[in-house]
Amino acid sequence: MNSINIIAPYRHHGMWVFDDARVGLVQEPFVAGADSMIDRVVANLPDADRGFRLIFSAGPFPGHELMLEWRREELGGNWYYAPALDMEGWLCPALFHYFEAAPRRIYVQVKAAGTT
């Protein structure tokens, strides 16, 4: 498994979703607060609805902008809290395509599509 992962969420039927052919996911939705977190962190990214890059890791990396703290397991997924946003969101079992176990922390950076 990679230390740092990259997905490219986009809006589909009003929902944030992402595809990742490497792990067999197509239009995998963000729900239960994770979608609202995305709304907040991409508010200033140009054309985020068309897609943006979401870089994430269980360890801190240069340029990360957000840290999510594990709270609890529920229905096969895991709840995370973002202190900087004062928001909580549920990450579905698709999380386990990227991590063997739910990490205690997830570090995140967002970038506009097409930026370096």
PDB file of N, CA and C in Angstrom:
ATOM      1  N   MET A   1       0.840  -1.187   0.000  1.00  0.00           N
ATOM      2  CA  MET A   1       0.000   0.000   0.000  1.00  0.00           C
ATOM      3  C   MET A   1       0.879   1.241   0.000  1.00  0.00           C
ATOM      4  N   ASN A   2       0.433   2.243  -0.710  1.00  0.00           N
ATOM      5  CA  ASN A   2       1.191   3.486  -0.801  1.00  0.00           C
ATOM      6  C   ASN A   2       1.161   4.242   0.522  1.00  0.00           C
ATOM      7  N   SER A   3       2.234   4.999   0.776  1.00  0.00           N
ATOM      8  CA  SER A   3       2.255   5.867   1.951  1.00  0.00           C
ATOM      9  C   SER A   3       1.398   7.095   1.721  1.00  0.00           C
ATOM     10  N   ILE A   4       1.470   7.627   0.500  1.00  0.00           N
ATOM     11  CA  ILE A   4       0.669   8.789   0.128  1.00  0.00           C
ATOM     12  C   ILE A   4      -0.218   8.382  -1.036  1.00  0.00           C
ATOM     13  N   ASN A   5      -1.484   8.681  -0.924  1.00  0.00           N
ATOM     14  CA  ASN A   5      -2.469   8.327  -1.946  1.00  0.00           C
ATOM     15  C   ASN A   5      -3.058   9.581  -2.571  1.00  0.00           C
ATOM     16  N   ILE A   6      -3.514   9.442  -3.808  1.00  0.00           N
ATOM     17  CA  ILE A   6      -4.144  10.552  -4.522  1.00  0.00           C
ATOM     18  C   ILE A   6      -5.413  10.036  -5.185  1.00  0.00           C
ATOM     19  N   ILE A   7      -6.509  10.749  -4.956  1.00  0.00           N
ATOM     20  CA  ILE A   7      -7.746  10.484  -5.675  1.00  0.00           C
ATOM     21  C   ILE A   7      -8.219  11.808  -6.268  1.00  0.00           C
ATOM     22  N   ALA A   8      -9.181  11.728  -7.176  1.00  0.00           N
ATOM     23  CA  ALA A   8      -9.672  12.940  -7.839  1.00  0.00           C
ATOM     24  C   ALA A   8     -11.193  13.022  -7.722  1.00  0.00           C
ATOM     25  N   PRO A   9     -11.688  13.471  -6.572  1.00  0.00           N
ATOM     26  CA  PRO A   9     -13.147  13.615  -6.410  1.00  0.00           C
ATOM     27  C   PRO A   9     -13.739  14.636  -7.373  1.00  0.00           C
ATOM     28  N   TYR A  10     -15.014  14.438  -7.673  1.00  0.00           N
ATOM     29  CA  TYR A  10     -15.775  15.338  -8.538  1.00  0.00           C
ATOM     30  C   TYR A  10     -17.245  15.203  -8.164  1.00  0.00           C
ATOM     31  N   ARG A  11     -18.050  16.129  -8.641  1.00  0.00           N
ATOM     32  CA  ARG A  11     -19.497  16.084  -8.363  1.00  0.00           C
ATOM     33  C   ARG A  11     -20.199  15.239  -9.421  1.00  0.00           C
ATOM     34  N   HIS A  12     -21.106  14.386  -8.945  1.00  0.00           N
ATOM     35  CA  HIS A  12     -21.934  13.559  -9.823  1.00  0.00           C
ATOM     36  C   HIS A  12     -23.314  13.477  -9.184  1.00  0.00           C
ATOM     37  N   HIS A  13     -24.332  13.947  -9.886  1.00  0.00           N
ATOM     38  CA  HIS A  13     -25.695  13.985  -9.345  1.00  0.00           C
ATOM     39  C   HIS A  13     -25.737  14.685  -7.986  1.00  0.00           C
ATOM     40  N   GLY A  14     -24.957  15.759  -7.867  1.00  0.00           N
ATOM     41  CA  GLY A  14     -24.959  16.564  -6.649  1.00  0.00           C
ATOM     42  C   GLY A  14     -24.150  16.004  -5.493  1.00  0.00           C
ATOM     43  N   MET A  15     -23.461  14.880  -5.711  1.00  0.00           N
ATOM     44  CA  MET A  15     -22.669  14.241  -4.643  1.00  0.00           C
ATOM     45  C   MET A  15     -21.188  14.275  -5.014  1.00  0.00           C
ATOM     46  N   TRP A  16     -20.329  14.342  -3.988  1.00  0.00           N
ATOM     47  CA  TRP A  16     -18.901  14.166  -4.207  1.00  0.00           C
ATOM     48  C   TRP A  16     -18.642  12.673  -4.355  1.00  0.00           C
ATOM     49  N   VAL A  17     -17.981  12.279  -5.437  1.00  0.00           N
ATOM     50  CA  VAL A  17     -17.632  10.887  -5.697  1.00  0.00           C
ATOM     51  C   VAL A  17     -16.210  10.847  -6.236  1.00  0.00           C
ATOM     52  N   PHE A  18     -15.650   9.638  -6.299  1.00  0.00           N
ATOM     53  CA  PHE A  18     -14.348   9.469  -6.944  1.00  0.00           C
ATOM     54  C   PHE A  18     -14.276   8.089  -7.579  1.00  0.00           C
ATOM     55  N   ASP A  19     -13.398   7.989  -8.568  1.00  0.00           N
ATOM     56  CA  ASP A  19     -13.101   6.729  -9.235  1.00  0.00           C
ATOM     57  C   ASP A  19     -11.651   6.375  -8.930  1.00  0.00           C
ATOM     58  N   ASP A  20     -11.365   5.102  -8.792  1.00  0.00           N
ATOM     59  CA  ASP A  20      -9.983   4.654  -8.658  1.00  0.00           C
ATOM     60  C   ASP A  20      -9.896   3.253  -9.249  1.00  0.00           C
ATOM     61  N   ALA A  21      -9.505   3.189 -10.512  1.00  0.00           N
ATOM     62  CA  ALA A  21      -9.425   1.911 -11.220  1.00  0.00           C
ATOM     63  C   ALA A  21      -8.445   0.952 -10.546  1.00  0.00           C
ATOM     64  N   ARG A  22      -7.414   1.492  -9.883  1.00  0.00           N
ATOM     65  CA  ARG A  22      -6.427   0.631  -9.210  1.00  0.00           C
ATOM     66  C   ARG A  22      -7.075  -0.291  -8.191  1.00  0.00           C
ATOM     67  N   VAL A  23      -8.133   0.197  -7.533  1.00  0.00           N
ATOM     68  CA  VAL A  23      -8.771  -0.587  -6.469  1.00  0.00           C
ATOM     69  C   VAL A  23     -10.215  -0.961  -6.799  1.00  0.00           C
ATOM     70  N   GLY A  24     -10.627  -0.700  -8.032  1.00  0.00           N
ATOM     71  CA  GLY A  24     -11.956  -1.120  -8.479  1.00  0.00           C
ATOM     72  C   GLY A  24     -13.124  -0.269  -8.004  1.00  0.00           C
ATOM     73  N   LEU A  25     -12.890   1.012  -7.742  1.00  0.00           N
ATOM     74  CA  LEU A  25     -13.969   1.892  -7.290  1.00  0.00           C
ATOM     75  C   LEU A  25     -14.420   2.814  -8.421  1.00  0.00           C
ATOM     76  N   VAL A  26     -15.733   2.917  -8.592  1.00  0.00           N
ATOM     77  CA  VAL A  26     -16.319   3.794  -9.604  1.00  0.00           C
ATOM     78  C   VAL A  26     -17.437   4.588  -8.943  1.00  0.00           C
ATOM     79  N   GLN A  27     -17.357   5.898  -9.043  1.00  0.00           N
ATOM     80  CA  GLN A  27     -18.336   6.807  -8.455  1.00  0.00           C
ATOM     81  C   GLN A  27     -18.618   6.470  -6.994  1.00  0.00           C
ATOM     82  N   GLU A  28     -17.563   6.219  -6.246  1.00  0.00           N
ATOM     83  CA  GLU A  28     -17.666   5.938  -4.803  1.00  0.00           C
ATOM     84  C   GLU A  28     -18.013   7.253  -4.101  1.00  0.00           C
ATOM     85  N   PRO A  29     -19.159   7.321  -3.412  1.00  0.00           N
ATOM     86  CA  PRO A  29     -19.591   8.597  -2.835  1.00  0.00           C
ATOM     87  C   PRO A  29     -18.992   8.881  -1.450  1.00  0.00           C
ATOM     88  N   PHE A  30     -18.859  10.170  -1.169  1.00  0.00           N
ATOM     89  CA  PHE A  30     -18.576  10.652   0.175  1.00  0.00           C
ATOM     90  C   PHE A  30     -19.920  11.036   0.785  1.00  0.00           C
ATOM     91  N   VAL A  31     -20.228  10.543   1.977  1.00  0.00           N
ATOM     92  CA  VAL A  31     -21.518  10.796   2.624  1.00  0.00           C
ATOM     93  C   VAL A  31     -21.299  11.108   4.102  1.00  0.00           C
ATOM     94  N   ALA A  32     -22.383  11.351   4.802  1.00  0.00           N
ATOM     95  CA  ALA A  32     -22.403  11.457   6.269  1.00  0.00           C
ATOM     96  C   ALA A  32     -21.364  12.420   6.838  1.00  0.00           C
ATOM     97  N   GLY A  33     -21.328  13.614   6.290  1.00  0.00           N
ATOM     98  CA  GLY A  33     -20.438  14.647   6.822  1.00  0.00           C
ATOM     99  C   GLY A  33     -19.125  14.767   6.071  1.00  0.00           C
ATOM    100  N   ALA A  34     -18.620  13.680   5.493  1.00  0.00           N
ATOM    101  CA  ALA A  34     -17.390  13.769   4.707  1.00  0.00           C
ATOM    102  C   ALA A  34     -17.621  14.679   3.499  1.00  0.00           C
ATOM    103  N   ASP A  35     -18.823  14.627   2.927  1.00  0.00           N
ATOM    104  CA  ASP A  35     -19.173  15.499   1.807  1.00  0.00           C
ATOM    105  C   ASP A  35     -19.164  16.973   2.219  1.00  0.00           C
ATOM    106  N   SER A  36     -19.645  17.255   3.406  1.00  0.00           N
ATOM    107  CA  SER A  36     -19.656  18.642   3.906  1.00  0.00           C
ATOM    108  C   SER A  36     -18.243  19.142   4.184  1.00  0.00           C
ATOM    109  N   MET A  37     -17.372  18.259   4.664  1.00  0.00           N
ATOM    110  CA  MET A  37     -15.968  18.642   4.860  1.00  0.00           C
ATOM    111  C   MET A  37     -15.351  19.029   3.527  1.00  0.00           C
ATOM    112  N   ILE A  38     -15.617  18.224   2.504  1.00  0.00           N
ATOM    113  CA  ILE A  38     -15.076  18.534   1.180  1.00  0.00           C
ATOM    114  C   ILE A  38     -15.591  19.888   0.707  1.00  0.00           C
ATOM    115  N   ASP A  39     -16.884  20.153   0.882  1.00  0.00           N
ATOM    116  CA  ASP A  39     -17.430  21.455   0.502  1.00  0.00           C
ATOM    117  C   ASP A  39     -16.597  22.588   1.095  1.00  0.00           C
ATOM    118  N   ARG A  40     -16.251  22.449   2.357  1.00  0.00           N
ATOM    119  CA  ARG A  40     -15.488  23.504   3.044  1.00  0.00           C
ATOM    120  C   ARG A  40     -14.066  23.636   2.513  1.00  0.00           C
ATOM    121  N   VAL A  41     -13.379  22.506   2.331  1.00  0.00           N
ATOM    122  CA  VAL A  41     -11.959  22.611   1.970  1.00  0.00           C
ATOM    123  C   VAL A  41     -11.727  22.970   0.512  1.00  0.00           C
ATOM    124  N   VAL A  42     -12.733  22.790  -0.345  1.00  0.00           N
ATOM    125  CA  VAL A  42     -12.548  23.149  -1.752  1.00  0.00           C
ATOM    126  C   VAL A  42     -13.264  24.444  -2.128  1.00  0.00           C
ATOM    127  N   ALA A  43     -13.803  25.129  -1.164  1.00  0.00           N
ATOM    128  CA  ALA A  43     -14.594  26.335  -1.442  1.00  0.00           C
ATOM    129  C   ALA A  43     -13.850  27.344  -2.311  1.00  0.00           C
ATOM    130  N   ASN A  44     -12.536  27.424  -2.199  1.00  0.00           N
ATOM    131  CA  ASN A  44     -11.766  28.399  -2.965  1.00  0.00           C
ATOM    132  C   ASN A  44     -11.009  27.794  -4.140  1.00  0.00           C
ATOM    133  N   LEU A  45     -11.222  26.519  -4.420  1.00  0.00           N
ATOM    134  CA  LEU A  45     -10.558  25.896  -5.568  1.00  0.00           C
ATOM    135  C   LEU A  45     -11.377  26.145  -6.836  1.00  0.00           C
ATOM    136  N   PRO A  46     -10.742  26.605  -7.890  1.00  0.00           N
ATOM    137  CA  PRO A  46     -11.485  26.847  -9.128  1.00  0.00           C
ATOM    138  C   PRO A  46     -12.003  25.535  -9.730  1.00  0.00           C
ATOM    139  N   ASP A  47     -13.251  25.538 -10.138  1.00  0.00           N
ATOM    140  CA  ASP A  47     -13.882  24.400 -10.817  1.00  0.00           C
ATOM    141  C   ASP A  47     -13.766  23.081 -10.052  1.00  0.00           C
ATOM    142  N   ALA A  48     -13.795  23.134  -8.726  1.00  0.00           N
ATOM    143  CA  ALA A  48     -13.666  21.917  -7.923  1.00  0.00           C
ATOM    144  C   ALA A  48     -14.749  20.900  -8.268  1.00  0.00           C
ATOM    145  N   ASP A  49     -15.944  21.361  -8.620  1.00  0.00           N
ATOM    146  CA  ASP A  49     -17.027  20.436  -8.967  1.00  0.00           C
ATOM    147  C   ASP A  49     -16.649  19.520 -10.121  1.00  0.00           C
ATOM    148  N   ARG A  50     -15.805  19.997 -11.013  1.00  0.00           N
ATOM    149  CA  ARG A  50     -15.361  19.194 -12.155  1.00  0.00           C
ATOM    150  C   ARG A  50     -14.250  18.229 -11.779  1.00  0.00           C
ATOM    151  N   GLY A  51     -13.695  18.410 -10.607  1.00  0.00           N
ATOM    152  CA  GLY A  51     -12.633  17.529 -10.132  1.00  0.00           C
ATOM    153  C   GLY A  51     -11.490  18.293  -9.509  1.00  0.00           C
ATOM    154  N   PHE A  52     -10.897  17.686  -8.516  1.00  0.00           N
ATOM    155  CA  PHE A  52      -9.718  18.233  -7.849  1.00  0.00           C
ATOM    156  C   PHE A  52      -8.897  17.061  -7.339  1.00  0.00           C
ATOM    157  N   ARG A  53      -7.689  17.331  -6.924  1.00  0.00           N
ATOM    158  CA  ARG A  53      -6.840  16.273  -6.370  1.00  0.00           C
ATOM    159  C   ARG A  53      -6.915  16.297  -4.858  1.00  0.00           C
ATOM    160  N   LEU A  54      -7.128  15.144  -4.274  1.00  0.00           N
ATOM    161  CA  LEU A  54      -7.147  14.983  -2.824  1.00  0.00           C
ATOM    162  C   LEU A  54      -6.004  14.030  -2.484  1.00  0.00           C
ATOM    163  N   ILE A  55      -5.007  14.546  -1.804  1.00  0.00           N
ATOM    164  CA  ILE A  55      -3.817  13.794  -1.431  1.00  0.00           C
ATOM    165  C   ILE A  55      -3.951  13.465   0.045  1.00  0.00           C
ATOM    166  N   PHE A  56      -3.726  12.202   0.419  1.00  0.00           N
ATOM    167  CA  PHE A  56      -3.923  11.822   1.812  1.00  0.00           C
ATOM    168  C   PHE A  56      -2.952  10.736   2.241  1.00  0.00           C
ATOM    169  N   SER A  57      -2.687  10.721   3.544  1.00  0.00           N
ATOM    170  CA  SER A  57      -1.726   9.788   4.111  1.00  0.00           C
ATOM    171  C   SER A  57      -2.006   9.600   5.598  1.00  0.00           C
ATOM    172  N   ALA A  58      -1.564   8.466   6.133  1.00  0.00           N
ATOM    173  CA  ALA A  58      -1.675   8.224   7.575  1.00  0.00           C
ATOM    174  C   ALA A  58      -0.592   8.972   8.351  1.00  0.00           C
ATOM    175  N   GLY A  59       0.384   9.501   7.655  1.00  0.00           N
ATOM    176  CA  GLY A  59       1.442  10.279   8.300  1.00  0.00           C
ATOM    177  C   GLY A  59       1.501  11.669   7.717  1.00  0.00           C
ATOM    178  N   PRO A  60       1.999  12.624   8.497  1.00  0.00           N
ATOM    179  CA  PRO A  60       2.094  13.992   7.991  1.00  0.00           C
ATOM    180  C   PRO A  60       3.063  14.058   6.803  1.00  0.00           C
ATOM    181  N   PHE A  61       2.799  14.963   5.889  1.00  0.00           N
ATOM    182  CA  PHE A  61       3.672  15.160   4.738  1.00  0.00           C
ATOM    183  C   PHE A  61       3.733  16.658   4.451  1.00  0.00           C
ATOM    184  N   PRO A  62       4.810  17.130   3.792  1.00  0.00           N
ATOM    185  CA  PRO A  62       4.935  18.556   3.519  1.00  0.00           C
ATOM    186  C   PRO A  62       3.733  19.084   2.732  1.00  0.00           C
ATOM    187  N   GLY A  63       3.145  20.155   3.215  1.00  0.00           N
ATOM    188  CA  GLY A  63       2.027  20.788   2.533  1.00  0.00           C
ATOM    189  C   GLY A  63       0.651  20.296   2.948  1.00  0.00           C
ATOM    190  N   HIS A  64       0.588  19.310   3.856  1.00  0.00           N
ATOM    191  CA  HIS A  64      -0.765  18.883   4.253  1.00  0.00           C
ATOM    192  C   HIS A  64      -1.472  20.064   4.917  1.00  0.00           C
ATOM    193  N   GLU A  65      -2.781  20.128   4.669  1.00  0.00           N
ATOM    194  CA  GLU A  65      -3.563  21.273   5.132  1.00  0.00           C
ATOM    195  C   GLU A  65      -4.558  20.919   6.224  1.00  0.00           C
ATOM    196  N   LEU A  66      -4.835  19.665   6.358  1.00  0.00           N
ATOM    197  CA  LEU A  66      -5.902  19.240   7.256  1.00  0.00           C
ATOM    198  C   LEU A  66      -5.511  17.925   7.899  1.00  0.00           C
ATOM    199  N   MET A  67      -5.883  17.756   9.156  1.00  0.00           N
ATOM    200  CA  MET A  67      -5.650  16.512   9.866  1.00  0.00           C
ATOM    201  C   MET A  67      -6.991  16.018  10.393  1.00  0.00           C
ATOM    202  N   LEU A  68      -7.276  14.754  10.140  1.00  0.00           N
ATOM    203  CA  LEU A  68      -8.494  14.122  10.634  1.00  0.00           C
ATOM    204  C   LEU A  68      -8.116  13.154  11.746  1.00  0.00           C
ATOM    205  N   GLU A  69      -8.854  13.192  12.847  1.00  0.00           N
ATOM    206  CA  GLU A  69      -8.600  12.302  13.989  1.00  0.00           C
ATOM    207  C   GLU A  69      -9.676  11.227  14.046  1.00  0.00           C
ATOM    208  N   TRP A  70      -9.237   9.972  14.184  1.00  0.00           N
ATOM    209  CA  TRP A  70     -10.173   8.858  14.291  1.00  0.00           C
ATOM    210  C   TRP A  70     -11.016   9.006  15.554  1.00  0.00           C
ATOM    211  N   ARG A  71     -12.306   8.752  15.449  1.00  0.00           N
ATOM    212  CA  ARG A  71     -13.217   8.824  16.592  1.00  0.00           C
ATOM    213  C   ARG A  71     -13.803   7.464  16.961  1.00  0.00           C
ATOM    214  N   ARG A  72     -14.392   6.752  15.965  1.00  0.00           N
ATOM    215  CA  ARG A  72     -15.045   5.490  16.281  1.00  0.00           C
ATOM    216  C   ARG A  72     -15.406   4.750  14.994  1.00  0.00           C
ATOM    217  N   GLU A  73     -15.647   3.455  15.140  1.00  0.00           N
ATOM    218  CA  GLU A  73     -16.085   2.619  14.029  1.00  0.00           C
ATOM    219  C   GLU A  73     -17.607   2.546  14.051  1.00  0.00           C
ATOM    220  N   GLU A  74     -18.221   2.509  12.883  1.00  0.00           N
ATOM    221  CA  GLU A  74     -19.668   2.326  12.802  1.00  0.00           C
ATOM    222  C   GLU A  74     -20.028   1.781  11.426  1.00  0.00           C
ATOM    223  N   LEU A  75     -20.803   0.722  11.397  1.00  0.00           N
ATOM    224  CA  LEU A  75     -21.333   0.136  10.160  1.00  0.00           C
ATOM    225  C   LEU A  75     -20.246  -0.168   9.133  1.00  0.00           C
ATOM    226  N   GLY A  76     -19.106  -0.642   9.618  1.00  0.00           N
ATOM    227  CA  GLY A  76     -18.005  -1.015   8.745  1.00  0.00           C
ATOM    228  C   GLY A  76     -17.123   0.138   8.320  1.00  0.00           C
ATOM    229  N   GLY A  77     -17.557   1.363   8.567  1.00  0.00           N
ATOM    230  CA  GLY A  77     -16.763   2.547   8.256  1.00  0.00           C
ATOM    231  C   GLY A  77     -16.240   3.172   9.532  1.00  0.00           C
ATOM    232  N   ASN A  78     -15.661   4.339   9.406  1.00  0.00           N
ATOM    233  CA  ASN A  78     -15.053   5.008  10.551  1.00  0.00           C
ATOM    234  C   ASN A  78     -15.343   6.495  10.531  1.00  0.00           C
ATOM    235  N   TRP A  79     -15.630   7.027  11.710  1.00  0.00           N
ATOM    236  CA  TRP A  79     -15.868   8.456  11.889  1.00  0.00           C
ATOM    237  C   TRP A  79     -14.554   9.155  12.195  1.00  0.00           C
ATOM    238  N   TYR A  80     -14.342  10.292  11.534  1.00  0.00           N
ATOM    239  CA  TYR A  80     -13.163  11.121  11.746  1.00  0.00           C
ATOM    240  C   TYR A  80     -13.605  12.548  12.058  1.00  0.00           C
ATOM    241  N   TYR A  81     -12.806  13.210  12.882  1.00  0.00           N
ATOM    242  CA  TYR A  81     -13.070  14.591  13.279  1.00  0.00           C
ATOM    243  C   TYR A  81     -11.946  15.473  12.748  1.00  0.00           C
ATOM    244  N   ALA A  82     -12.312  16.601  12.148  1.00  0.00           N
ATOM    245  CA  ALA A  82     -11.354  17.586  11.652  1.00  0.00           C
ATOM    246  C   ALA A  82     -11.372  18.785  12.591  1.00  0.00           C
ATOM    247  N   PRO A  83     -10.400  18.892  13.514  1.00  0.00           N
ATOM    248  CA  PRO A  83     -10.400  20.016  14.453  1.00  0.00           C
ATOM    249  C   PRO A  83     -10.399  21.385  13.771  1.00  0.00           C
ATOM    250  N   ALA A  84      -9.681  21.528  12.671  1.00  0.00           N
ATOM    251  CA  ALA A  84      -9.601  22.827  11.993  1.00  0.00           C
ATOM    252  C   ALA A  84     -10.949  23.265  11.430  1.00  0.00           C
ATOM    253  N   LEU A  85     -11.818  22.309  11.134  1.00  0.00           N
ATOM    254  CA  LEU A  85     -13.148  22.607  10.608  1.00  0.00           C
ATOM    255  C   LEU A  85     -14.233  22.476  11.665  1.00  0.00           C
ATOM    256  N   ASP A  86     -13.891  21.863  12.794  1.00  0.00           N
ATOM    257  CA  ASP A  86     -14.852  21.499  13.828  1.00  0.00           C
ATOM    258  C   ASP A  86     -16.016  20.710  13.207  1.00  0.00           C
ATOM    259  N   MET A  87     -15.629  19.701  12.414  1.00  0.00           N
ATOM    260  CA  MET A  87     -16.614  18.868  11.718  1.00  0.00           C
ATOM    261  C   MET A  87     -16.218  17.402  11.843  1.00  0.00           C
ATOM    262  N   GLU A  88     -17.236  16.551  11.782  1.00  0.00           N
ATOM    263  CA  GLU A  88     -17.019  15.114  11.822  1.00  0.00           C
ATOM    264  C   GLU A  88     -17.622  14.507  10.559  1.00  0.00           C
ATOM    265  N   GLY A  89     -16.959  13.481  10.025  1.00  0.00           N
ATOM    266  CA  GLY A  89     -17.465  12.812   8.839  1.00  0.00           C
ATOM    267  C   GLY A  89     -17.142  11.331   8.873  1.00  0.00           C
ATOM    268  N   TRP A  90     -17.982  10.562   8.192  1.00  0.00           N
ATOM    269  CA  TRP A  90     -17.844   9.106   8.151  1.00  0.00           C
ATOM    270  C   TRP A  90     -17.160   8.703   6.853  1.00  0.00           C
ATOM    271  N   LEU A  91     -16.131   7.885   6.962  1.00  0.00           N
ATOM    272  CA  LEU A  91     -15.467   7.333   5.787  1.00  0.00           C
ATOM    273  C   LEU A  91     -15.857   5.868   5.684  1.00  0.00           C
ATOM    274  N   CYS A  92     -16.419   5.508   4.550  1.00  0.00           N
ATOM    275  CA  CYS A  92     -16.967   4.168   4.340  1.00  0.00           C
ATOM    276  C   CYS A  92     -15.858   3.122   4.257  1.00  0.00           C
ATOM    277  N   PRO A  93     -16.232   1.851   4.170  1.00  0.00           N
ATOM    278  CA  PRO A  93     -15.232   0.790   4.104  1.00  0.00           C
ATOM    279  C   PRO A  93     -14.272   0.871   2.915  1.00  0.00           C
ATOM    280  N   ALA A  94     -14.543   1.724   1.932  1.00  0.00           N
ATOM    281  CA  ALA A  94     -13.576   1.923   0.843  1.00  0.00           C
ATOM    282  C   ALA A  94     -12.223   2.391   1.399  1.00  0.00           C
ATOM    283  N   LEU A  95     -12.222   2.940   2.601  1.00  0.00           N
ATOM    284  CA  LEU A  95     -10.990   3.357   3.271  1.00  0.00           C
ATOM    285  C   LEU A  95      -9.965   2.223   3.301  1.00  0.00           C
ATOM    286  N   PHE A  96     -10.460   0.986   3.405  1.00  0.00           N
ATOM    287  CA  PHE A  96      -9.569  -0.164   3.542  1.00  0.00           C
ATOM    288  C   PHE A  96      -8.923  -0.583   2.223  1.00  0.00           C
ATOM    289  N   HIS A  97      -9.263   0.097   1.139  1.00  0.00           N
ATOM    290  CA  HIS A  97      -8.505  -0.083  -0.100  1.00  0.00           C
ATOM    291  C   HIS A  97      -7.178   0.662  -0.009  1.00  0.00           C
ATOM    292  N   TYR A  98      -7.085   1.593   0.928  1.00  0.00           N
ATOM    293  CA  TYR A  98      -5.902   2.435   1.057  1.00  0.00           C
ATOM    294  C   TYR A  98      -5.111   2.182   2.344  1.00  0.00           C
ATOM    295  N   PHE A  99      -5.769   1.636   3.349  1.00  0.00           N
ATOM    296  CA  PHE A  99      -5.132   1.364   4.631  1.00  0.00           C
ATOM    297  C   PHE A  99      -5.562  -0.015   5.115  1.00  0.00           C
ATOM    298  N   GLU A 100      -4.638  -0.762   5.723  1.00  0.00           N
ATOM    299  CA  GLU A 100      -4.978  -2.083   6.254  1.00  0.00           C
ATOM    300  C   GLU A 100      -5.938  -1.981   7.428  1.00  0.00           C
ATOM    301  N   ALA A 101      -5.768  -0.946   8.218  1.00  0.00           N
ATOM    302  CA  ALA A 101      -6.645  -0.666   9.366  1.00  0.00           C
ATOM    303  C   ALA A 101      -6.919   0.833   9.363  1.00  0.00           C
ATOM    304  N   ALA A 102      -8.002   1.230  10.015  1.00  0.00           N
ATOM    305  CA  ALA A 102      -8.333   2.657  10.091  1.00  0.00           C
ATOM    306  C   ALA A 102      -7.213   3.401  10.822  1.00  0.00           C
ATOM    307  N   PRO A 103      -6.559   4.350  10.144  1.00  0.00           N
ATOM    308  CA  PRO A 103      -5.479   5.080  10.813  1.00  0.00           C
ATOM    309  C   PRO A 103      -6.015   5.987  11.920  1.00  0.00           C
ATOM    310  N   ARG A 104      -5.204   6.219  12.912  1.00  0.00           N
ATOM    311  CA  ARG A 104      -5.575   7.120  14.005  1.00  0.00           C
ATOM    312  C   ARG A 104      -5.702   8.549  13.500  1.00  0.00           C
ATOM    313  N   ARG A 105      -4.907   8.883  12.494  1.00  0.00           N
ATOM    314  CA  ARG A 105      -4.959  10.212  11.886  1.00  0.00           C
ATOM    315  C   ARG A 105      -4.818  10.076  10.376  1.00  0.00           C
ATOM    316  N   ILE A 106      -5.471  10.970   9.669  1.00  0.00           N
ATOM    317  CA  ILE A 106      -5.321  11.068   8.224  1.00  0.00           C
ATOM    318  C   ILE A 106      -4.985  12.519   7.907  1.00  0.00           C
ATOM    319  N   TYR A 107      -3.914  12.709   7.151  1.00  0.00           N
ATOM    320  CA  TYR A 107      -3.460  14.036   6.762  1.00  0.00           C
ATOM    321  C   TYR A 107      -3.861  14.266   5.305  1.00  0.00           C
ATOM    322  N   VAL A 108      -4.353  15.472   5.018  1.00  0.00           N
ATOM    323  CA  VAL A 108      -4.983  15.744   3.731  1.00  0.00           C
ATOM    324  C   VAL A 108      -4.470  17.057   3.137  1.00  0.00           C
ATOM    325  N   GLN A 109      -4.352  17.055   1.817  1.00  0.00           N
ATOM    326  CA  GLN A 109      -4.090  18.264   1.049  1.00  0.00           C
ATOM    327  C   GLN A 109      -5.006  18.239  -0.167  1.00  0.00           C
ATOM    328  N   VAL A 110      -5.545  19.380  -0.548  1.00  0.00           N
ATOM    329  CA  VAL A 110      -6.360  19.472  -1.771  1.00  0.00           C
ATOM    330  C   VAL A 110      -5.690  20.437  -2.734  1.00  0.00           C
ATOM    331  N   LYS A 111      -5.783  20.102  -4.020  1.00  0.00           N
ATOM    332  CA  LYS A 111      -5.215  20.946  -5.065  1.00  0.00           C
ATOM    333  C   LYS A 111      -6.181  20.988  -6.225  1.00  0.00           C
ATOM    334  N   ALA A 112      -6.215  22.116  -6.880  1.00  0.00           N
ATOM    335  CA  ALA A 112      -7.027  22.244  -8.080  1.00  0.00           C
ATOM    336  C   ALA A 112      -6.498  21.278  -9.137  1.00  0.00           C
ATOM    337  N   ALA A 113      -7.390  20.740  -9.940  1.00  0.00           N
ATOM    338  CA  ALA A 113      -6.976  19.872 -11.048  1.00  0.00           C
ATOM    339  C   ALA A 113      -6.041  20.644 -11.947  1.00  0.00           C
ATOM    340  N   GLY A 114      -5.007  19.987 -12.414  1.00  0.00           N
ATOM    341  CA  GLY A 114      -4.074  20.625 -13.338  1.00  0.00           C
ATOM    342  C   GLY A 114      -2.988  21.457 -12.696  1.00  0.00           C
ATOM    343  N   THR A 115      -2.946  21.524 -11.343  1.00  0.00           N
ATOM    344  CA  THR A 115      -1.874  22.266 -10.685  1.00  0.00           C
ATOM    345  C   THR A 115      -0.795  21.298 -10.244  1.00  0.00           C
ATOM    346  N   THR A 116       0.377  21.828  -9.997  1.00  0.00           N
ATOM    347  CA  THR A 116       1.484  20.975  -9.558  1.00  0.00           C
ATOM    348  C   THR A 116       1.709  21.089  -8.075  1.00  0.00           C
TER     349      THR A 116
END
